[in-house]
């Protein structure tokens, strides 16, 4: 995997990469390969570093989801980037293909209160029991022959499974979402295509874009 690691940017403080779908952001009890380990191995080999390599996980993408991620190479960078996540200065945009019977509005803002259950799933609850969750979207292209729509999403808050739950709860589950949508065992069509943040040391505004790979349903929406 190291040889196939897609690096968009790297310096002494941060590394920005594209996570492929079906790769974990960090290790879990499955012991499957994860991005944190992959990048640590890459740094260790490239710079011939002895011992353990520090790498800070600043944010996550769900295992089936692909897209741009930033990792911190120092604890100071990790702390400053984590602050940006908390204050929503670090901004994320996604492409998603949703099931749509033609009733999805051209653009809208979804506001819900979400609660993460013990089984790792998330549901919409009332204000007193959930965390405030907001996103905005606009339609890019519709395929009425497939009852599918491509949307551009700006994530205002980063809750667990937020995009998937907010669309599914309104009757527009993401294509291939095996947890909240149809059980068709397809690859989920959700890609974090843009990441924007302030560099933790230079204070420069950084912006990175990565298009979805031409596979699965993405190719059906190419112009």
N, C-alpha and C. Protein backbone atom coordinates (compact mmCIF):
# COMPACT_ATOMS: atom_id res chain seq x y z
N UNK A 1 0.83 -1.22 0.00
CA UNK A 1 0.00 0.00 0.00
C UNK A 1 0.86 1.27 0.00
N UNK A 2 2.05 1.19 0.65
CA UNK A 2 2.90 2.38 0.73
C UNK A 2 3.23 2.95 -0.64
N UNK A 3 3.50 2.06 -1.60
CA UNK A 3 3.86 2.52 -2.93
C UNK A 3 2.69 3.20 -3.64
N UNK A 4 1.49 2.87 -3.22
CA UNK A 4 0.29 3.44 -3.84
C UNK A 4 -0.28 4.61 -3.04
N UNK A 5 0.41 5.04 -2.00
CA UNK A 5 -0.08 6.13 -1.18
C UNK A 5 -0.13 7.42 -2.00
N UNK A 6 -1.31 7.99 -2.10
CA UNK A 6 -1.49 9.22 -2.89
C UNK A 6 -1.30 10.43 -1.98
N UNK A 7 -0.16 11.08 -2.12
CA UNK A 7 0.18 12.22 -1.27
C UNK A 7 -0.06 13.52 -2.05
N UNK A 8 -0.88 14.39 -1.49
CA UNK A 8 -1.16 15.69 -2.12
C UNK A 8 -0.20 16.77 -1.66
N UNK A 9 0.30 16.62 -0.42
CA UNK A 9 1.20 17.64 0.14
C UNK A 9 1.91 17.05 1.35
N UNK A 10 3.16 17.48 1.54
CA UNK A 10 3.90 17.04 2.72
C UNK A 10 4.97 18.07 3.06
N UNK A 11 5.10 18.37 4.36
CA UNK A 11 6.23 19.15 4.85
C UNK A 11 6.61 18.60 6.22
N UNK A 12 7.36 19.35 7.00
CA UNK A 12 7.81 18.84 8.30
C UNK A 12 6.71 18.77 9.35
N UNK A 13 5.56 19.37 9.05
CA UNK A 13 4.50 19.49 10.06
C UNK A 13 3.26 18.68 9.75
N UNK A 14 2.92 18.57 8.46
CA UNK A 14 1.68 17.89 8.07
C UNK A 14 1.91 17.03 6.83
N UNK A 15 0.98 16.10 6.62
CA UNK A 15 0.94 15.34 5.38
C UNK A 15 -0.53 15.19 4.98
N UNK A 16 -0.81 15.51 3.73
CA UNK A 16 -2.18 15.45 3.20
C UNK A 16 -2.23 14.33 2.18
N UNK A 17 -3.17 13.41 2.36
CA UNK A 17 -3.25 12.23 1.50
C UNK A 17 -4.70 12.00 1.07
N UNK A 18 -4.86 11.09 0.11
CA UNK A 18 -6.19 10.65 -0.30
C UNK A 18 -6.40 9.24 0.23
N UNK A 19 -7.41 9.08 1.07
CA UNK A 19 -7.74 7.75 1.61
C UNK A 19 -8.58 6.99 0.60
N UNK A 20 -8.17 5.80 0.20
CA UNK A 20 -9.02 4.99 -0.66
C UNK A 20 -10.24 4.48 0.11
N UNK A 21 -11.29 4.09 -0.60
CA UNK A 21 -12.42 3.52 0.11
C UNK A 21 -12.05 2.15 0.68
N UNK A 22 -12.76 1.78 1.74
CA UNK A 22 -12.61 0.48 2.42
C UNK A 22 -11.29 0.31 3.16
N UNK A 23 -10.61 1.43 3.43
CA UNK A 23 -9.42 1.42 4.29
C UNK A 23 -9.77 2.19 5.56
N UNK A 24 -9.41 1.63 6.71
CA UNK A 24 -9.68 2.30 7.98
C UNK A 24 -8.86 3.59 8.11
N UNK A 25 -9.40 4.58 8.83
CA UNK A 25 -8.63 5.78 9.15
C UNK A 25 -7.59 5.45 10.21
N UNK A 26 -7.99 4.67 11.21
CA UNK A 26 -7.07 4.20 12.24
C UNK A 26 -7.44 2.77 12.60
N UNK A 27 -6.56 2.05 13.25
CA UNK A 27 -6.78 0.63 13.52
C UNK A 27 -7.95 0.40 14.46
N UNK A 28 -8.57 -0.75 14.32
CA UNK A 28 -9.63 -1.15 15.23
C UNK A 28 -9.45 -2.63 15.55
N UNK A 29 -10.47 -3.27 16.13
CA UNK A 29 -10.31 -4.66 16.57
C UNK A 29 -10.27 -5.67 15.42
N UNK A 30 -10.47 -5.21 14.18
CA UNK A 30 -10.37 -6.12 13.03
C UNK A 30 -8.91 -6.40 12.66
N UNK A 31 -8.02 -5.51 13.10
CA UNK A 31 -6.60 -5.60 12.74
C UNK A 31 -6.34 -5.44 11.25
N UNK A 32 -7.31 -4.87 10.52
CA UNK A 32 -7.11 -4.59 9.10
C UNK A 32 -6.20 -3.38 8.93
N UNK A 33 -5.61 -3.25 7.76
CA UNK A 33 -4.68 -2.15 7.50
C UNK A 33 -5.41 -0.81 7.61
N UNK A 34 -4.71 0.21 8.08
CA UNK A 34 -5.33 1.53 8.29
C UNK A 34 -4.37 2.62 7.82
N UNK A 35 -4.94 3.81 7.58
CA UNK A 35 -4.17 4.93 7.04
C UNK A 35 -3.07 5.38 8.00
N UNK A 36 -3.36 5.41 9.27
CA UNK A 36 -2.37 5.87 10.25
C UNK A 36 -1.11 4.99 10.19
N UNK A 37 -1.31 3.68 10.13
CA UNK A 37 -0.18 2.75 10.06
C UNK A 37 0.55 2.85 8.72
N UNK A 38 -0.22 2.97 7.64
CA UNK A 38 0.37 3.09 6.30
C UNK A 38 1.29 4.30 6.21
N UNK A 39 0.81 5.45 6.72
CA UNK A 39 1.60 6.68 6.63
C UNK A 39 2.80 6.64 7.57
N UNK A 40 2.61 6.07 8.74
CA UNK A 40 3.76 5.91 9.66
C UNK A 40 4.86 5.08 9.01
N UNK A 41 4.48 4.00 8.36
CA UNK A 41 5.46 3.15 7.68
C UNK A 41 6.16 3.90 6.55
N UNK A 42 5.37 4.70 5.83
CA UNK A 42 5.94 5.51 4.74
C UNK A 42 6.98 6.49 5.28
N UNK A 43 6.66 7.19 6.37
CA UNK A 43 7.58 8.17 6.96
C UNK A 43 8.84 7.47 7.49
N UNK A 44 8.62 6.33 8.14
CA UNK A 44 9.74 5.59 8.71
C UNK A 44 10.73 5.16 7.63
N UNK A 45 10.18 4.68 6.50
CA UNK A 45 11.02 4.21 5.40
C UNK A 45 11.68 5.37 4.65
N UNK A 46 10.90 6.41 4.36
CA UNK A 46 11.43 7.52 3.56
C UNK A 46 12.54 8.27 4.27
N UNK A 47 12.35 8.49 5.57
CA UNK A 47 13.32 9.31 6.31
C UNK A 47 14.24 8.46 7.19
N UNK A 48 14.12 7.13 7.05
CA UNK A 48 14.98 6.21 7.78
C UNK A 48 14.97 6.50 9.28
N UNK A 49 13.76 6.62 9.82
CA UNK A 49 13.60 6.98 11.24
C UNK A 49 13.64 5.73 12.12
N UNK A 50 14.49 5.74 13.12
CA UNK A 50 14.52 4.62 14.07
C UNK A 50 13.38 4.76 15.08
N UNK A 51 12.94 3.66 15.65
CA UNK A 51 11.92 3.72 16.69
C UNK A 51 10.55 4.09 16.16
N UNK A 52 9.70 4.52 17.07
CA UNK A 52 8.33 4.86 16.72
C UNK A 52 8.25 6.20 16.01
N UNK A 53 7.34 6.30 15.07
CA UNK A 53 7.10 7.54 14.33
C UNK A 53 5.84 8.20 14.88
N UNK A 54 5.93 9.50 15.18
CA UNK A 54 4.73 10.22 15.64
C UNK A 54 3.88 10.61 14.43
N UNK A 55 2.58 10.36 14.52
CA UNK A 55 1.63 10.82 13.52
C UNK A 55 0.29 11.03 14.20
N UNK A 56 -0.22 12.26 14.12
CA UNK A 56 -1.45 12.60 14.80
C UNK A 56 -2.66 12.48 13.89
N UNK A 57 -3.69 11.75 14.36
CA UNK A 57 -4.95 11.65 13.63
C UNK A 57 -5.82 12.84 14.02
N UNK A 58 -6.10 13.70 13.05
CA UNK A 58 -6.83 14.95 13.31
C UNK A 58 -8.34 14.77 13.09
N UNK A 59 -8.70 14.02 12.07
CA UNK A 59 -10.11 13.77 11.77
C UNK A 59 -10.20 12.41 11.10
N UNK A 60 -11.41 11.90 10.92
CA UNK A 60 -11.60 10.56 10.37
C UNK A 60 -12.54 10.59 9.17
N UNK A 61 -12.42 9.54 8.35
CA UNK A 61 -13.42 9.23 7.35
C UNK A 61 -13.89 7.81 7.62
N UNK A 62 -15.18 7.55 7.47
CA UNK A 62 -15.69 6.20 7.64
C UNK A 62 -14.94 5.23 6.73
N UNK A 63 -14.83 4.01 7.17
CA UNK A 63 -14.08 3.00 6.41
C UNK A 63 -14.47 2.93 4.92
N UNK A 64 -15.76 2.88 4.56
CA UNK A 64 -16.09 2.76 3.13
C UNK A 64 -15.93 4.04 2.32
N UNK A 65 -15.67 5.16 3.01
CA UNK A 65 -15.63 6.47 2.36
C UNK A 65 -14.20 6.82 1.94
N UNK A 66 -14.07 7.41 0.76
CA UNK A 66 -12.77 7.85 0.26
C UNK A 66 -12.65 9.37 0.39
N UNK A 67 -11.42 9.88 0.24
CA UNK A 67 -11.27 11.33 0.21
C UNK A 67 -10.03 11.87 0.87
N UNK A 68 -9.96 13.21 0.92
CA UNK A 68 -8.78 13.93 1.40
C UNK A 68 -8.72 13.94 2.92
N UNK A 69 -7.55 13.64 3.45
CA UNK A 69 -7.33 13.70 4.90
C UNK A 69 -6.00 14.39 5.18
N UNK A 70 -5.92 15.07 6.32
CA UNK A 70 -4.66 15.65 6.77
C UNK A 70 -4.25 14.97 8.07
N UNK A 71 -2.98 14.64 8.18
CA UNK A 71 -2.40 14.07 9.39
C UNK A 71 -1.29 14.99 9.88
N UNK A 72 -1.09 15.02 11.19
CA UNK A 72 -0.08 15.89 11.79
C UNK A 72 1.20 15.11 12.07
N UNK A 73 2.35 15.69 11.71
CA UNK A 73 3.63 15.02 11.92
C UNK A 73 4.30 15.46 13.22
N UNK A 74 3.71 16.45 13.91
CA UNK A 74 4.21 16.87 15.23
C UNK A 74 3.02 17.05 16.16
N UNK A 75 3.28 16.97 17.46
CA UNK A 75 2.20 17.13 18.44
C UNK A 75 1.64 18.56 18.42
N UNK A 76 2.48 19.54 18.15
CA UNK A 76 2.02 20.93 18.08
C UNK A 76 1.06 21.11 16.90
N UNK A 77 1.41 20.53 15.75
CA UNK A 77 0.54 20.60 14.58
C UNK A 77 -0.77 19.89 14.86
N UNK A 78 -0.70 18.75 15.54
CA UNK A 78 -1.92 17.99 15.87
C UNK A 78 -2.86 18.81 16.75
N UNK A 79 -2.29 19.48 17.75
CA UNK A 79 -3.08 20.29 18.66
C UNK A 79 -3.76 21.45 17.93
N UNK A 80 -3.02 22.12 17.08
CA UNK A 80 -3.57 23.29 16.37
C UNK A 80 -4.60 22.88 15.33
N UNK A 81 -4.38 21.77 14.65
CA UNK A 81 -5.37 21.30 13.68
C UNK A 81 -6.63 20.80 14.39
N UNK A 82 -6.45 20.14 15.54
CA UNK A 82 -7.59 19.67 16.31
C UNK A 82 -8.45 20.83 16.78
N UNK A 83 -7.80 21.95 17.11
CA UNK A 83 -8.55 23.16 17.48
C UNK A 83 -9.39 23.65 16.31
N UNK A 84 -8.84 23.54 15.11
CA UNK A 84 -9.58 23.98 13.92
C UNK A 84 -10.79 23.07 13.67
N UNK A 85 -10.64 21.79 13.98
CA UNK A 85 -11.77 20.87 13.85
C UNK A 85 -12.87 21.27 14.83
N UNK A 86 -12.48 21.57 16.07
CA UNK A 86 -13.46 21.93 17.10
C UNK A 86 -14.17 23.24 16.78
N UNK A 87 -13.45 24.20 16.18
CA UNK A 87 -14.04 25.51 15.88
C UNK A 87 -14.59 25.59 14.46
N UNK A 88 -14.56 24.47 13.76
CA UNK A 88 -15.08 24.38 12.38
C UNK A 88 -14.32 25.28 11.41
N UNK A 89 -13.05 25.58 11.73
CA UNK A 89 -12.20 26.32 10.80
C UNK A 89 -11.69 25.39 9.70
N UNK A 90 -11.50 24.12 10.06
CA UNK A 90 -11.16 23.11 9.08
C UNK A 90 -12.46 22.74 8.36
N UNK A 91 -12.48 22.98 7.05
CA UNK A 91 -13.72 22.82 6.29
C UNK A 91 -13.62 21.64 5.33
N UNK A 92 -14.75 20.89 5.23
CA UNK A 92 -14.78 19.71 4.39
C UNK A 92 -15.99 19.76 3.44
N UNK A 93 -15.74 19.37 2.21
CA UNK A 93 -16.83 19.23 1.24
C UNK A 93 -16.81 17.82 0.66
N UNK A 94 -18.00 17.32 0.39
CA UNK A 94 -18.16 15.96 -0.09
C UNK A 94 -19.01 15.92 -1.35
N UNK A 95 -18.74 14.91 -2.18
CA UNK A 95 -19.67 14.50 -3.23
C UNK A 95 -20.39 13.25 -2.73
N UNK A 96 -21.68 13.19 -3.00
CA UNK A 96 -22.45 11.99 -2.65
C UNK A 96 -23.47 11.74 -3.75
N UNK A 97 -23.75 10.48 -3.99
CA UNK A 97 -24.85 10.09 -4.87
C UNK A 97 -25.94 9.54 -3.99
N UNK A 98 -27.13 10.14 -4.07
CA UNK A 98 -28.24 9.75 -3.20
C UNK A 98 -29.39 9.18 -4.02
N UNK A 99 -30.14 8.28 -3.41
CA UNK A 99 -31.37 7.79 -4.01
C UNK A 99 -32.40 8.90 -3.96
N UNK A 100 -33.00 9.21 -5.08
CA UNK A 100 -33.89 10.37 -5.18
C UNK A 100 -35.03 10.06 -6.16
N UNK A 101 -36.26 10.16 -5.65
CA UNK A 101 -37.43 9.92 -6.50
C UNK A 101 -37.84 11.16 -7.28
N UNK A 102 -37.00 12.19 -7.22
CA UNK A 102 -37.29 13.43 -7.91
C UNK A 102 -37.78 14.54 -7.00
N UNK A 103 -37.91 14.24 -5.71
CA UNK A 103 -38.45 15.22 -4.76
C UNK A 103 -37.38 15.99 -4.00
N UNK A 104 -36.10 15.63 -4.17
CA UNK A 104 -35.03 16.34 -3.45
C UNK A 104 -34.93 17.78 -3.96
N UNK A 105 -34.91 18.73 -3.02
CA UNK A 105 -34.81 20.14 -3.39
C UNK A 105 -33.46 20.42 -4.04
N UNK A 106 -33.42 21.47 -4.88
CA UNK A 106 -32.19 21.82 -5.59
C UNK A 106 -31.06 22.14 -4.61
N UNK A 107 -31.38 22.79 -3.51
CA UNK A 107 -30.41 23.03 -2.45
C UNK A 107 -31.16 23.17 -1.14
N UNK A 108 -30.48 22.86 -0.04
CA UNK A 108 -31.14 22.90 1.25
C UNK A 108 -30.09 22.82 2.35
N UNK A 109 -30.52 23.08 3.56
CA UNK A 109 -29.70 22.91 4.76
C UNK A 109 -30.41 21.94 5.69
N UNK A 110 -29.71 20.93 6.14
CA UNK A 110 -30.27 19.95 7.07
C UNK A 110 -29.74 20.25 8.47
N UNK A 111 -30.65 20.35 9.43
CA UNK A 111 -30.27 20.52 10.83
C UNK A 111 -30.97 19.45 11.66
N UNK A 112 -30.20 18.67 12.38
CA UNK A 112 -30.74 17.60 13.22
C UNK A 112 -29.92 17.51 14.50
N UNK A 113 -30.42 16.69 15.42
CA UNK A 113 -29.66 16.33 16.62
C UNK A 113 -29.42 14.83 16.55
N UNK A 114 -28.16 14.44 16.53
CA UNK A 114 -27.80 13.05 16.30
C UNK A 114 -27.23 12.40 17.55
N UNK A 115 -27.54 11.12 17.70
CA UNK A 115 -27.06 10.34 18.84
C UNK A 115 -26.39 9.06 18.34
N UNK A 116 -25.20 8.78 18.81
CA UNK A 116 -24.47 7.56 18.43
C UNK A 116 -24.79 6.44 19.42
N UNK A 117 -25.35 5.35 18.88
CA UNK A 117 -25.70 4.20 19.71
C UNK A 117 -24.50 3.32 19.99
N UNK A 118 -24.69 2.37 20.90
CA UNK A 118 -23.60 1.46 21.28
C UNK A 118 -23.21 0.53 20.15
N UNK A 119 -24.09 0.32 19.17
CA UNK A 119 -23.77 -0.57 18.06
C UNK A 119 -23.06 0.16 16.92
N UNK A 120 -22.57 1.39 17.19
CA UNK A 120 -21.81 2.19 16.23
C UNK A 120 -22.68 2.82 15.15
N UNK A 121 -24.00 2.75 15.31
CA UNK A 121 -24.89 3.42 14.37
C UNK A 121 -25.35 4.75 14.98
N UNK A 122 -25.88 5.62 14.14
CA UNK A 122 -26.30 6.95 14.57
C UNK A 122 -27.76 7.16 14.18
N UNK A 123 -28.49 7.89 15.02
CA UNK A 123 -29.90 8.15 14.72
C UNK A 123 -30.26 9.58 15.10
N UNK A 124 -31.35 10.05 14.49
CA UNK A 124 -31.86 11.38 14.79
C UNK A 124 -32.68 11.31 16.07
N UNK A 125 -32.39 12.22 17.00
CA UNK A 125 -33.13 12.28 18.27
C UNK A 125 -33.53 13.73 18.53
N UNK A 126 -34.08 13.99 19.72
CA UNK A 126 -34.49 15.36 20.03
C UNK A 126 -33.32 16.19 20.55
N UNK A 127 -33.57 17.45 20.69
CA UNK A 127 -32.53 18.42 21.05
C UNK A 127 -31.87 18.08 22.38
N UNK A 128 -32.63 17.53 23.31
CA UNK A 128 -32.10 17.27 24.65
C UNK A 128 -31.17 16.06 24.70
N UNK A 129 -31.23 15.20 23.70
CA UNK A 129 -30.47 13.95 23.76
C UNK A 129 -29.41 13.81 22.66
N UNK A 130 -29.39 14.72 21.69
CA UNK A 130 -28.44 14.59 20.58
C UNK A 130 -27.51 15.78 20.43
N UNK A 131 -26.55 15.62 19.55
CA UNK A 131 -25.59 16.68 19.24
C UNK A 131 -26.03 17.43 17.98
N UNK A 132 -25.93 18.74 18.04
CA UNK A 132 -26.31 19.59 16.92
C UNK A 132 -25.52 19.20 15.67
N UNK A 133 -26.23 19.01 14.56
CA UNK A 133 -25.61 18.53 13.32
C UNK A 133 -26.17 19.32 12.15
N UNK A 134 -25.28 19.89 11.34
CA UNK A 134 -25.73 20.73 10.23
C UNK A 134 -24.88 20.48 8.98
N UNK A 135 -25.56 20.44 7.85
CA UNK A 135 -24.90 20.41 6.55
C UNK A 135 -25.75 21.16 5.54
N UNK A 136 -25.10 21.62 4.49
CA UNK A 136 -25.80 22.24 3.36
C UNK A 136 -25.39 21.51 2.09
N UNK A 137 -26.29 21.47 1.12
CA UNK A 137 -25.96 20.79 -0.13
C UNK A 137 -26.59 21.52 -1.31
N UNK A 138 -26.10 21.23 -2.49
CA UNK A 138 -26.78 21.64 -3.72
C UNK A 138 -26.64 20.51 -4.74
N UNK A 139 -27.65 20.38 -5.57
CA UNK A 139 -27.65 19.33 -6.60
C UNK A 139 -26.71 19.72 -7.73
N UNK A 140 -25.89 18.77 -8.15
CA UNK A 140 -25.01 18.97 -9.30
C UNK A 140 -25.65 18.38 -10.55
N UNK A 141 -26.15 17.15 -10.43
CA UNK A 141 -26.71 16.49 -11.61
C UNK A 141 -27.69 15.40 -11.17
N UNK A 142 -28.77 15.26 -11.92
CA UNK A 142 -29.75 14.22 -11.65
C UNK A 142 -29.74 13.18 -12.77
N UNK A 143 -29.91 11.92 -12.38
CA UNK A 143 -30.13 10.85 -13.35
C UNK A 143 -31.51 10.26 -13.05
N UNK A 144 -32.54 10.89 -13.63
CA UNK A 144 -33.91 10.47 -13.34
C UNK A 144 -34.17 9.05 -13.82
N UNK A 145 -33.39 8.61 -14.84
CA UNK A 145 -33.55 7.24 -15.33
C UNK A 145 -33.09 6.21 -14.30
N UNK A 146 -32.27 6.66 -13.34
CA UNK A 146 -31.75 5.77 -12.30
C UNK A 146 -32.31 6.10 -10.92
N UNK A 147 -33.09 7.18 -10.83
CA UNK A 147 -33.56 7.68 -9.53
C UNK A 147 -32.38 7.98 -8.60
N UNK A 148 -31.34 8.58 -9.19
CA UNK A 148 -30.14 8.93 -8.44
C UNK A 148 -29.77 10.39 -8.70
N UNK A 149 -29.19 11.04 -7.69
CA UNK A 149 -28.79 12.45 -7.81
C UNK A 149 -27.42 12.65 -7.19
N UNK A 150 -26.57 13.39 -7.89
CA UNK A 150 -25.25 13.76 -7.39
C UNK A 150 -25.34 15.10 -6.67
N UNK A 151 -24.87 15.15 -5.43
CA UNK A 151 -24.94 16.39 -4.64
C UNK A 151 -23.56 16.79 -4.15
N UNK A 152 -23.39 18.09 -3.94
CA UNK A 152 -22.19 18.69 -3.38
C UNK A 152 -22.55 19.13 -1.97
N UNK A 153 -21.85 18.63 -0.97
CA UNK A 153 -22.21 18.83 0.43
C UNK A 153 -21.13 19.62 1.17
N UNK A 154 -21.54 20.65 1.88
CA UNK A 154 -20.65 21.34 2.82
C UNK A 154 -21.01 20.89 4.22
N UNK A 155 -20.08 20.22 4.86
CA UNK A 155 -20.31 19.70 6.20
C UNK A 155 -19.99 20.77 7.23
N UNK A 156 -21.00 21.21 7.97
CA UNK A 156 -20.80 22.27 8.96
C UNK A 156 -20.34 21.70 10.31
N UNK A 157 -20.80 20.50 10.63
CA UNK A 157 -20.38 19.80 11.85
C UNK A 157 -19.96 18.39 11.46
N UNK A 158 -19.08 17.80 12.24
CA UNK A 158 -18.56 16.49 11.86
C UNK A 158 -19.00 15.38 12.79
N UNK A 159 -20.27 15.03 12.76
CA UNK A 159 -20.78 13.96 13.62
C UNK A 159 -20.60 12.59 12.98
N UNK A 160 -20.67 11.57 13.80
CA UNK A 160 -20.52 10.19 13.35
C UNK A 160 -21.61 9.84 12.34
N UNK A 161 -21.21 9.42 11.13
CA UNK A 161 -22.15 9.03 10.06
C UNK A 161 -23.14 10.14 9.70
N UNK A 162 -22.75 11.39 9.93
CA UNK A 162 -23.70 12.50 9.80
C UNK A 162 -24.37 12.59 8.43
N UNK A 163 -23.57 12.63 7.36
CA UNK A 163 -24.13 12.78 6.02
C UNK A 163 -25.07 11.62 5.71
N UNK A 164 -24.64 10.43 6.01
CA UNK A 164 -25.42 9.24 5.71
C UNK A 164 -26.76 9.25 6.44
N UNK A 165 -26.74 9.62 7.71
CA UNK A 165 -27.96 9.60 8.52
C UNK A 165 -28.90 10.74 8.13
N UNK A 166 -28.36 11.94 7.91
CA UNK A 166 -29.23 13.07 7.61
C UNK A 166 -29.96 12.90 6.28
N UNK A 167 -29.30 12.35 5.29
CA UNK A 167 -29.99 12.12 4.01
C UNK A 167 -30.94 10.92 4.12
N UNK A 168 -30.51 9.84 4.77
CA UNK A 168 -31.36 8.65 4.88
C UNK A 168 -32.63 8.93 5.68
N UNK A 169 -32.51 9.75 6.72
CA UNK A 169 -33.68 10.03 7.57
C UNK A 169 -34.75 10.82 6.83
N UNK A 170 -34.37 11.45 5.72
CA UNK A 170 -35.32 12.21 4.92
C UNK A 170 -35.78 11.44 3.68
N UNK A 171 -35.36 10.18 3.59
CA UNK A 171 -35.80 9.35 2.48
C UNK A 171 -34.89 9.37 1.27
N UNK A 172 -33.64 9.86 1.45
CA UNK A 172 -32.68 9.92 0.35
C UNK A 172 -31.38 9.23 0.74
N UNK A 173 -31.42 7.93 1.04
CA UNK A 173 -30.18 7.25 1.46
C UNK A 173 -29.12 7.27 0.37
N UNK A 174 -27.87 7.29 0.79
CA UNK A 174 -26.77 7.30 -0.17
C UNK A 174 -26.71 5.97 -0.93
N UNK A 175 -26.36 6.07 -2.19
CA UNK A 175 -26.20 4.88 -3.01
C UNK A 175 -25.12 3.99 -2.38
N UNK A 176 -25.45 2.72 -2.20
CA UNK A 176 -24.47 1.77 -1.66
C UNK A 176 -24.30 1.80 -0.15
N UNK A 177 -25.12 2.57 0.56
CA UNK A 177 -25.00 2.62 2.02
C UNK A 177 -25.68 1.39 2.61
N UNK A 178 -24.86 0.44 3.04
CA UNK A 178 -25.40 -0.83 3.51
C UNK A 178 -25.94 -0.75 4.93
N UNK A 179 -25.64 0.31 5.65
CA UNK A 179 -26.16 0.45 7.02
C UNK A 179 -27.46 1.24 7.06
N UNK A 180 -27.52 2.35 6.33
CA UNK A 180 -28.69 3.23 6.42
C UNK A 180 -29.54 3.23 5.15
N UNK A 181 -29.11 2.50 4.13
CA UNK A 181 -29.84 2.50 2.87
C UNK A 181 -30.27 1.12 2.45
N UNK A 182 -30.29 0.89 1.15
CA UNK A 182 -30.68 -0.41 0.62
C UNK A 182 -29.55 -1.42 0.82
N UNK A 183 -29.91 -2.63 1.16
CA UNK A 183 -28.91 -3.66 1.43
C UNK A 183 -28.47 -4.32 0.12
N UNK A 184 -27.89 -3.55 -0.77
CA UNK A 184 -27.53 -4.08 -2.08
C UNK A 184 -26.04 -4.39 -2.24
N UNK A 185 -25.28 -4.18 -1.17
CA UNK A 185 -23.85 -4.51 -1.14
C UNK A 185 -23.07 -3.88 -2.29
N UNK A 186 -23.39 -2.63 -2.58
CA UNK A 186 -22.62 -1.85 -3.54
C UNK A 186 -21.63 -0.97 -2.77
N UNK A 187 -20.66 -0.40 -3.49
CA UNK A 187 -19.72 0.53 -2.86
C UNK A 187 -20.42 1.86 -2.60
N UNK A 188 -20.35 2.36 -1.38
CA UNK A 188 -21.02 3.61 -1.05
C UNK A 188 -20.45 4.76 -1.89
N UNK A 189 -21.32 5.63 -2.36
CA UNK A 189 -20.90 6.76 -3.20
C UNK A 189 -20.81 8.02 -2.34
N UNK A 190 -19.72 8.09 -1.57
CA UNK A 190 -19.46 9.25 -0.72
C UNK A 190 -17.96 9.51 -0.75
N UNK A 191 -17.58 10.74 -1.14
CA UNK A 191 -16.16 11.07 -1.32
C UNK A 191 -15.90 12.47 -0.78
N UNK A 192 -14.93 12.57 0.14
CA UNK A 192 -14.52 13.87 0.68
C UNK A 192 -13.57 14.52 -0.32
N UNK A 193 -14.11 15.39 -1.18
CA UNK A 193 -13.30 15.88 -2.31
C UNK A 193 -12.50 17.14 -2.01
N UNK A 194 -12.85 17.87 -0.95
CA UNK A 194 -12.12 19.11 -0.67
C UNK A 194 -11.88 19.27 0.82
N UNK A 195 -10.66 19.69 1.16
CA UNK A 195 -10.28 19.94 2.54
C UNK A 195 -9.57 21.28 2.60
N UNK A 196 -9.99 22.12 3.55
CA UNK A 196 -9.43 23.47 3.67
C UNK A 196 -9.13 23.75 5.14
N UNK A 197 -7.93 24.27 5.40
CA UNK A 197 -7.54 24.57 6.78
C UNK A 197 -6.40 25.57 6.78
N UNK A 198 -6.10 26.08 7.95
CA UNK A 198 -4.96 26.99 8.14
C UNK A 198 -3.75 26.17 8.55
N UNK A 199 -2.63 26.36 7.82
CA UNK A 199 -1.43 25.60 8.16
C UNK A 199 -1.05 25.89 9.61
N UNK A 200 -0.76 24.84 10.39
CA UNK A 200 -0.53 25.02 11.83
C UNK A 200 0.67 25.88 12.21
N UNK A 201 1.63 26.06 11.32
CA UNK A 201 2.80 26.89 11.66
C UNK A 201 2.93 28.12 10.76
N UNK A 202 2.71 27.98 9.46
CA UNK A 202 2.87 29.13 8.57
C UNK A 202 1.63 30.04 8.55
N UNK A 203 0.50 29.50 9.04
CA UNK A 203 -0.79 30.22 9.07
C UNK A 203 -1.36 30.48 7.68
N UNK A 204 -0.79 29.81 6.69
CA UNK A 204 -1.28 29.95 5.31
C UNK A 204 -2.56 29.14 5.13
N UNK A 205 -3.50 29.68 4.35
CA UNK A 205 -4.71 28.94 4.02
C UNK A 205 -4.36 27.85 3.01
N UNK A 206 -4.65 26.61 3.38
CA UNK A 206 -4.34 25.46 2.52
C UNK A 206 -5.65 24.87 2.00
N UNK A 207 -5.66 24.52 0.73
CA UNK A 207 -6.86 23.93 0.13
C UNK A 207 -6.45 22.80 -0.81
N UNK A 208 -7.10 21.65 -0.65
CA UNK A 208 -6.76 20.47 -1.44
C UNK A 208 -8.02 19.83 -2.00
N UNK A 209 -7.93 19.39 -3.25
CA UNK A 209 -9.07 18.80 -3.95
C UNK A 209 -8.67 17.47 -4.56
N UNK A 210 -9.56 16.50 -4.49
CA UNK A 210 -9.35 15.19 -5.11
C UNK A 210 -10.68 14.68 -5.65
N UNK A 211 -10.72 14.38 -6.93
CA UNK A 211 -11.95 13.88 -7.53
C UNK A 211 -12.13 12.39 -7.20
N UNK A 212 -13.37 11.91 -7.18
CA UNK A 212 -13.59 10.47 -6.97
C UNK A 212 -12.97 9.66 -8.10
N UNK A 213 -12.56 8.45 -7.78
CA UNK A 213 -12.03 7.57 -8.80
C UNK A 213 -13.13 7.18 -9.79
N UNK A 214 -12.77 6.98 -11.03
CA UNK A 214 -13.76 6.64 -12.06
C UNK A 214 -14.15 5.17 -11.93
N UNK A 215 -14.97 4.94 -10.93
CA UNK A 215 -15.43 3.58 -10.68
C UNK A 215 -16.81 3.64 -10.03
N UNK A 216 -17.43 2.51 -9.84
CA UNK A 216 -18.74 2.45 -9.22
C UNK A 216 -19.70 3.38 -9.94
N UNK A 217 -20.51 4.13 -9.21
CA UNK A 217 -21.54 4.96 -9.82
C UNK A 217 -21.04 6.33 -10.26
N UNK A 218 -19.83 6.70 -9.87
CA UNK A 218 -19.34 8.05 -10.21
C UNK A 218 -19.31 8.25 -11.72
N UNK A 219 -18.96 7.23 -12.45
CA UNK A 219 -18.84 7.37 -13.91
C UNK A 219 -20.17 7.67 -14.58
N UNK A 220 -21.28 7.34 -13.93
CA UNK A 220 -22.61 7.59 -14.49
C UNK A 220 -22.96 9.09 -14.47
N UNK A 221 -22.17 9.88 -13.75
CA UNK A 221 -22.47 11.30 -13.63
C UNK A 221 -21.43 12.18 -14.32
N UNK A 222 -20.55 11.56 -15.09
CA UNK A 222 -19.58 12.36 -15.84
C UNK A 222 -20.26 13.01 -17.02
N UNK A 223 -19.88 14.24 -17.29
CA UNK A 223 -20.50 15.01 -18.38
C UNK A 223 -20.06 14.45 -19.73
